[in-house]
Amino acid sequence: MRVTSDTCPVCATAEVVCAKWTLLLVRDLSEGRSRFCELERSLEGISPRTLSLRLRALEEEGIVHRRTYPEVPPRVEYALTEKGRALVPIIEDMRTYGRRWLGADGDCATPVAAAGAAA
């Protein structure tokens, strides 16, 4: 039996999470709601246009929820959906792998478990 990229769960997941900045956005949003400017500051090197496009794509994929508040000036917050939160264990496994096998022992963001405990 031949498995195609359409039916392979790993391929399907990779299609979603392997786009540049996606996992870093999920990592940052796993800490809670964020505004556009907060995400832009935390993702050094991302342009506002790219951030906007990635957030829109993740919203269309059902990974991120965008909430607009009727204020002046308008306030917009982004948060992970249930589908987005299901990606958090992948990020935690990547954090563990990076520390164990790649010698990356820096602190790229607050660990998700600690952020969840604080909420």
N, C-alpha and C. Protein backbone atom coordinates (compact mmCIF):
# COMPACT_ATOMS: atom_id res chain seq x y z
N MET A 1 0.85 -1.19 0.00
CA MET A 1 0.00 0.00 0.00
C MET A 1 0.89 1.24 0.00
N ARG A 2 0.61 2.12 -0.90
CA ARG A 2 1.38 3.36 -1.01
C ARG A 2 0.65 4.48 -0.27
N VAL A 3 1.37 5.17 0.59
CA VAL A 3 0.80 6.30 1.33
C VAL A 3 1.16 7.58 0.59
N THR A 4 0.18 8.40 0.30
CA THR A 4 0.44 9.67 -0.37
C THR A 4 0.49 10.78 0.66
N SER A 5 1.01 11.92 0.23
CA SER A 5 1.09 13.04 1.17
C SER A 5 -0.29 13.52 1.58
N ASP A 6 -1.31 13.20 0.77
CA ASP A 6 -2.68 13.59 1.13
C ASP A 6 -3.23 12.76 2.29
N THR A 7 -2.78 11.51 2.41
CA THR A 7 -3.32 10.63 3.44
C THR A 7 -2.38 10.42 4.61
N CYS A 8 -1.13 10.78 4.47
CA CYS A 8 -0.15 10.59 5.55
C CYS A 8 -0.35 11.67 6.62
N PRO A 9 -0.64 11.28 7.86
CA PRO A 9 -0.86 12.28 8.91
C PRO A 9 0.37 13.14 9.19
N VAL A 10 1.56 12.57 9.05
CA VAL A 10 2.78 13.35 9.28
C VAL A 10 2.92 14.42 8.19
N CYS A 11 2.68 14.05 6.96
CA CYS A 11 2.76 15.01 5.85
C CYS A 11 1.71 16.12 6.01
N ALA A 12 0.51 15.72 6.37
CA ALA A 12 -0.56 16.71 6.54
C ALA A 12 -0.23 17.69 7.66
N THR A 13 0.32 17.19 8.76
CA THR A 13 0.70 18.06 9.87
C THR A 13 1.86 18.97 9.47
N ALA A 14 2.82 18.40 8.76
CA ALA A 14 3.97 19.19 8.30
C ALA A 14 3.54 20.33 7.39
N GLU A 15 2.52 20.09 6.58
CA GLU A 15 2.00 21.15 5.70
C GLU A 15 1.57 22.37 6.52
N VAL A 16 1.02 22.11 7.69
CA VAL A 16 0.52 23.20 8.54
C VAL A 16 1.65 23.83 9.34
N VAL A 17 2.45 23.03 10.02
CA VAL A 17 3.39 23.58 10.99
C VAL A 17 4.76 23.95 10.43
N CYS A 18 5.07 23.52 9.24
CA CYS A 18 6.43 23.78 8.72
C CYS A 18 6.56 25.11 8.00
N ALA A 19 5.48 25.83 7.83
CA ALA A 19 5.60 27.16 7.25
C ALA A 19 6.41 28.04 8.21
N LYS A 20 7.27 28.87 7.64
CA LYS A 20 8.14 29.69 8.47
C LYS A 20 7.33 30.51 9.48
N TRP A 21 7.80 30.57 10.68
CA TRP A 21 7.26 31.32 11.81
C TRP A 21 6.09 30.64 12.51
N THR A 22 5.50 29.62 11.92
CA THR A 22 4.30 29.02 12.50
C THR A 22 4.54 28.47 13.90
N LEU A 23 5.55 27.63 14.05
CA LEU A 23 5.79 27.04 15.37
C LEU A 23 6.18 28.09 16.41
N LEU A 24 6.89 29.12 15.99
CA LEU A 24 7.25 30.18 16.93
C LEU A 24 6.02 30.99 17.35
N LEU A 25 5.10 31.19 16.42
CA LEU A 25 3.85 31.87 16.78
C LEU A 25 3.03 31.02 17.76
N VAL A 26 2.96 29.72 17.50
CA VAL A 26 2.23 28.84 18.41
C VAL A 26 2.91 28.83 19.77
N ARG A 27 4.25 28.79 19.77
CA ARG A 27 5.00 28.82 21.04
C ARG A 27 4.63 30.07 21.84
N ASP A 28 4.64 31.22 21.19
CA ASP A 28 4.36 32.47 21.90
C ASP A 28 2.90 32.56 22.33
N LEU A 29 2.00 32.10 21.49
CA LEU A 29 0.58 32.15 21.84
C LEU A 29 0.20 31.10 22.88
N SER A 30 1.05 30.10 23.08
CA SER A 30 0.76 29.10 24.11
C SER A 30 0.82 29.70 25.50
N GLU A 31 1.42 30.87 25.62
CA GLU A 31 1.51 31.56 26.90
C GLU A 31 0.25 32.36 27.21
N GLY A 32 -0.64 32.49 26.24
CA GLY A 32 -1.88 33.24 26.43
C GLY A 32 -2.13 34.18 25.28
N ARG A 33 -3.16 34.99 25.42
CA ARG A 33 -3.51 35.94 24.35
C ARG A 33 -2.39 36.95 24.15
N SER A 34 -2.23 37.37 22.88
CA SER A 34 -1.24 38.38 22.56
C SER A 34 -1.79 39.34 21.52
N ARG A 35 -1.31 40.54 21.60
CA ARG A 35 -1.63 41.54 20.58
C ARG A 35 -0.57 41.49 19.50
N PHE A 36 -0.90 42.05 18.35
CA PHE A 36 -0.01 42.02 17.19
C PHE A 36 1.37 42.57 17.54
N CYS A 37 1.42 43.71 18.20
CA CYS A 37 2.71 44.34 18.51
C CYS A 37 3.54 43.49 19.47
N GLU A 38 2.88 42.77 20.37
CA GLU A 38 3.61 41.88 21.29
C GLU A 38 4.23 40.72 20.53
N LEU A 39 3.49 40.16 19.59
CA LEU A 39 4.03 39.07 18.78
C LEU A 39 5.17 39.56 17.91
N GLU A 40 5.01 40.74 17.35
CA GLU A 40 6.06 41.32 16.50
C GLU A 40 7.36 41.51 17.29
N ARG A 41 7.25 41.97 18.54
CA ARG A 41 8.43 42.17 19.39
C ARG A 41 9.08 40.84 19.75
N SER A 42 8.28 39.82 20.02
CA SER A 42 8.83 38.55 20.46
C SER A 42 9.46 37.75 19.32
N LEU A 43 9.07 38.01 18.10
CA LEU A 43 9.59 37.29 16.94
C LEU A 43 10.56 38.18 16.18
N GLU A 44 11.74 38.29 16.71
CA GLU A 44 12.76 39.16 16.12
C GLU A 44 13.01 38.77 14.67
N GLY A 45 12.89 39.75 13.79
CA GLY A 45 13.18 39.51 12.38
C GLY A 45 11.95 39.33 11.51
N ILE A 46 10.78 39.18 12.09
CA ILE A 46 9.58 39.01 11.27
C ILE A 46 9.06 40.39 10.87
N SER A 47 8.68 40.52 9.61
CA SER A 47 8.13 41.80 9.15
C SER A 47 6.64 41.86 9.51
N PRO A 48 6.10 43.06 9.65
CA PRO A 48 4.67 43.18 9.96
C PRO A 48 3.80 42.49 8.91
N ARG A 49 4.19 42.58 7.65
CA ARG A 49 3.41 41.94 6.58
C ARG A 49 3.42 40.42 6.73
N THR A 50 4.60 39.86 6.99
CA THR A 50 4.71 38.41 7.15
C THR A 50 3.92 37.95 8.37
N LEU A 51 4.02 38.69 9.46
CA LEU A 51 3.27 38.33 10.67
C LEU A 51 1.78 38.34 10.39
N SER A 52 1.31 39.36 9.71
CA SER A 52 -0.09 39.47 9.36
C SER A 52 -0.54 38.30 8.49
N LEU A 53 0.26 37.95 7.49
CA LEU A 53 -0.07 36.82 6.61
C LEU A 53 -0.08 35.49 7.35
N ARG A 54 0.90 35.28 8.24
CA ARG A 54 0.95 34.02 8.99
C ARG A 54 -0.24 33.91 9.94
N LEU A 55 -0.57 35.00 10.63
CA LEU A 55 -1.70 34.98 11.55
C LEU A 55 -3.00 34.71 10.79
N ARG A 56 -3.14 35.32 9.62
CA ARG A 56 -4.34 35.10 8.82
C ARG A 56 -4.43 33.64 8.36
N ALA A 57 -3.30 33.08 7.93
CA ALA A 57 -3.28 31.68 7.50
C ALA A 57 -3.62 30.74 8.65
N LEU A 58 -3.07 31.02 9.84
CA LEU A 58 -3.35 30.18 11.01
C LEU A 58 -4.81 30.33 11.45
N GLU A 59 -5.37 31.50 11.26
CA GLU A 59 -6.78 31.71 11.57
C GLU A 59 -7.64 30.90 10.59
N GLU A 60 -7.31 30.93 9.32
CA GLU A 60 -8.05 30.16 8.32
C GLU A 60 -7.94 28.66 8.57
N GLU A 61 -6.81 28.23 9.12
CA GLU A 61 -6.57 26.82 9.42
C GLU A 61 -7.27 26.39 10.72
N GLY A 62 -7.78 27.37 11.48
CA GLY A 62 -8.46 27.06 12.73
C GLY A 62 -7.52 26.88 13.91
N ILE A 63 -6.30 27.36 13.79
CA ILE A 63 -5.30 27.22 14.84
C ILE A 63 -5.28 28.45 15.75
N VAL A 64 -5.58 29.59 15.19
CA VAL A 64 -5.57 30.86 15.93
C VAL A 64 -6.94 31.51 15.82
N HIS A 65 -7.37 32.09 16.93
CA HIS A 65 -8.62 32.86 16.97
C HIS A 65 -8.26 34.33 17.11
N ARG A 66 -8.87 35.16 16.28
CA ARG A 66 -8.64 36.60 16.31
C ARG A 66 -9.87 37.25 16.92
N ARG A 67 -9.64 38.07 17.95
CA ARG A 67 -10.75 38.77 18.60
C ARG A 67 -10.51 40.27 18.52
N THR A 68 -11.49 40.96 17.96
CA THR A 68 -11.42 42.41 17.83
C THR A 68 -12.36 43.05 18.84
N TYR A 69 -11.85 44.00 19.58
CA TYR A 69 -12.64 44.70 20.58
C TYR A 69 -13.12 46.03 19.99
N PRO A 70 -14.39 46.38 20.22
CA PRO A 70 -14.94 47.63 19.65
C PRO A 70 -14.48 48.85 20.45
N GLU A 71 -13.22 49.19 20.29
CA GLU A 71 -12.64 50.32 20.99
C GLU A 71 -11.99 51.25 19.98
N VAL A 72 -11.66 52.43 20.43
CA VAL A 72 -10.92 53.37 19.59
C VAL A 72 -9.64 53.72 20.32
N PRO A 73 -8.47 53.41 19.76
CA PRO A 73 -8.27 52.65 18.53
C PRO A 73 -8.64 51.18 18.74
N PRO A 74 -8.93 50.47 17.65
CA PRO A 74 -9.33 49.06 17.77
C PRO A 74 -8.24 48.22 18.43
N ARG A 75 -8.65 47.31 19.27
CA ARG A 75 -7.72 46.39 19.92
C ARG A 75 -8.01 45.00 19.40
N VAL A 76 -6.95 44.31 18.97
CA VAL A 76 -7.08 42.96 18.43
C VAL A 76 -6.17 42.04 19.23
N GLU A 77 -6.71 40.91 19.66
CA GLU A 77 -5.91 39.91 20.37
C GLU A 77 -6.00 38.59 19.63
N TYR A 78 -4.91 37.84 19.71
CA TYR A 78 -4.84 36.52 19.09
C TYR A 78 -4.64 35.48 20.19
N ALA A 79 -5.28 34.34 20.02
CA ALA A 79 -5.16 33.24 20.98
C ALA A 79 -5.25 31.93 20.21
N LEU A 80 -4.69 30.89 20.82
CA LEU A 80 -4.79 29.56 20.22
C LEU A 80 -6.18 28.99 20.43
N THR A 81 -6.66 28.29 19.44
CA THR A 81 -7.89 27.53 19.55
C THR A 81 -7.54 26.17 20.16
N GLU A 82 -8.53 25.33 20.35
CA GLU A 82 -8.26 23.97 20.82
C GLU A 82 -7.33 23.25 19.85
N LYS A 83 -7.56 23.44 18.58
CA LYS A 83 -6.70 22.83 17.54
C LYS A 83 -5.27 23.36 17.66
N GLY A 84 -5.12 24.64 17.95
CA GLY A 84 -3.79 25.22 18.12
C GLY A 84 -3.10 24.72 19.38
N ARG A 85 -3.86 24.60 20.47
CA ARG A 85 -3.28 24.10 21.72
C ARG A 85 -2.82 22.65 21.60
N ALA A 86 -3.42 21.92 20.68
CA ALA A 86 -3.00 20.53 20.46
C ALA A 86 -1.59 20.45 19.87
N LEU A 87 -1.07 21.56 19.35
CA LEU A 87 0.30 21.60 18.82
C LEU A 87 1.35 21.84 19.91
N VAL A 88 0.93 22.27 21.08
CA VAL A 88 1.86 22.62 22.15
C VAL A 88 2.77 21.45 22.55
N PRO A 89 2.27 20.21 22.65
CA PRO A 89 3.19 19.10 22.98
C PRO A 89 4.31 18.92 21.94
N ILE A 90 4.03 19.23 20.69
CA ILE A 90 5.07 19.15 19.66
C ILE A 90 6.17 20.15 19.98
N ILE A 91 5.79 21.34 20.38
CA ILE A 91 6.77 22.38 20.71
C ILE A 91 7.56 21.99 21.95
N GLU A 92 6.90 21.43 22.94
CA GLU A 92 7.61 20.98 24.14
C GLU A 92 8.61 19.87 23.79
N ASP A 93 8.20 18.95 22.91
CA ASP A 93 9.12 17.89 22.48
C ASP A 93 10.30 18.48 21.72
N MET A 94 10.06 19.51 20.91
CA MET A 94 11.15 20.17 20.19
C MET A 94 12.11 20.87 21.17
N ARG A 95 11.54 21.47 22.22
CA ARG A 95 12.36 22.12 23.24
C ARG A 95 13.27 21.08 23.91
N THR A 96 12.69 19.95 24.27
CA THR A 96 13.45 18.87 24.91
C THR A 96 14.52 18.33 23.97
N TYR A 97 14.16 18.10 22.72
CA TYR A 97 15.11 17.59 21.73
C TYR A 97 16.27 18.57 21.55
N GLY A 98 15.94 19.85 21.42
CA GLY A 98 16.98 20.86 21.23
C GLY A 98 17.96 20.93 22.38
N ARG A 99 17.44 20.79 23.58
CA ARG A 99 18.32 20.80 24.76
C ARG A 99 19.18 19.54 24.81
N ARG A 100 18.55 18.40 24.57
CA ARG A 100 19.27 17.13 24.73
C ARG A 100 20.25 16.86 23.59
N TRP A 101 19.83 17.06 22.37
CA TRP A 101 20.62 16.63 21.23
C TRP A 101 21.35 17.75 20.49
N LEU A 102 20.93 18.97 20.67
CA LEU A 102 21.54 20.06 19.92
C LEU A 102 22.30 21.05 20.81
N GLY A 103 22.27 20.82 22.10
CA GLY A 103 23.00 21.69 23.02
C GLY A 103 22.42 23.08 23.13
N ALA A 104 21.18 23.24 22.75
CA ALA A 104 20.52 24.55 22.83
C ALA A 104 19.89 24.66 24.21
N ASP A 105 20.57 25.34 25.12
CA ASP A 105 20.06 25.42 26.48
C ASP A 105 19.58 26.81 26.85
N GLY A 106 19.40 27.67 25.84
CA GLY A 106 18.90 29.02 26.09
C GLY A 106 17.43 28.98 26.45
N ASP A 107 16.92 30.12 26.86
CA ASP A 107 15.52 30.22 27.25
C ASP A 107 14.80 31.03 26.19
N CYS A 108 14.21 30.34 25.19
CA CYS A 108 13.57 31.04 24.07
C CYS A 108 12.22 31.62 24.44
N ALA A 109 11.57 31.04 25.43
CA ALA A 109 10.27 31.54 25.90
C ALA A 109 9.95 30.83 27.19
N THR A 110 8.96 31.35 27.88
CA THR A 110 8.53 30.70 29.12
C THR A 110 8.04 29.30 28.78
N PRO A 111 8.49 28.28 29.50
CA PRO A 111 8.00 26.94 29.22
C PRO A 111 6.49 26.87 29.31
N VAL A 112 5.90 26.12 28.41
CA VAL A 112 4.44 26.05 28.30
C VAL A 112 3.82 25.54 29.59
N ALA A 113 4.42 24.56 30.25
CA ALA A 113 3.84 24.01 31.48
C ALA A 113 3.72 25.09 32.55
N ALA A 114 4.72 25.94 32.68
CA ALA A 114 4.69 27.01 33.67
C ALA A 114 3.63 28.03 33.32
N ALA A 115 3.49 28.33 32.02
CA ALA A 115 2.49 29.30 31.60
C ALA A 115 1.09 28.76 31.86
N GLY A 116 0.90 27.46 31.63
CA GLY A 116 -0.41 26.85 31.87
C GLY A 116 -0.77 26.86 33.34
N ALA A 117 0.23 26.67 34.20
CA ALA A 117 0.00 26.66 35.64
C ALA A 117 -0.38 28.06 36.13
N ALA A 118 0.17 29.09 35.47
CA ALA A 118 -0.10 30.46 35.89
C ALA A 118 -1.49 30.92 35.47
N ALA A 119 -2.06 30.26 34.47
CA ALA A 119 -3.37 30.70 33.94
C ALA A 119 -4.52 30.29 34.80
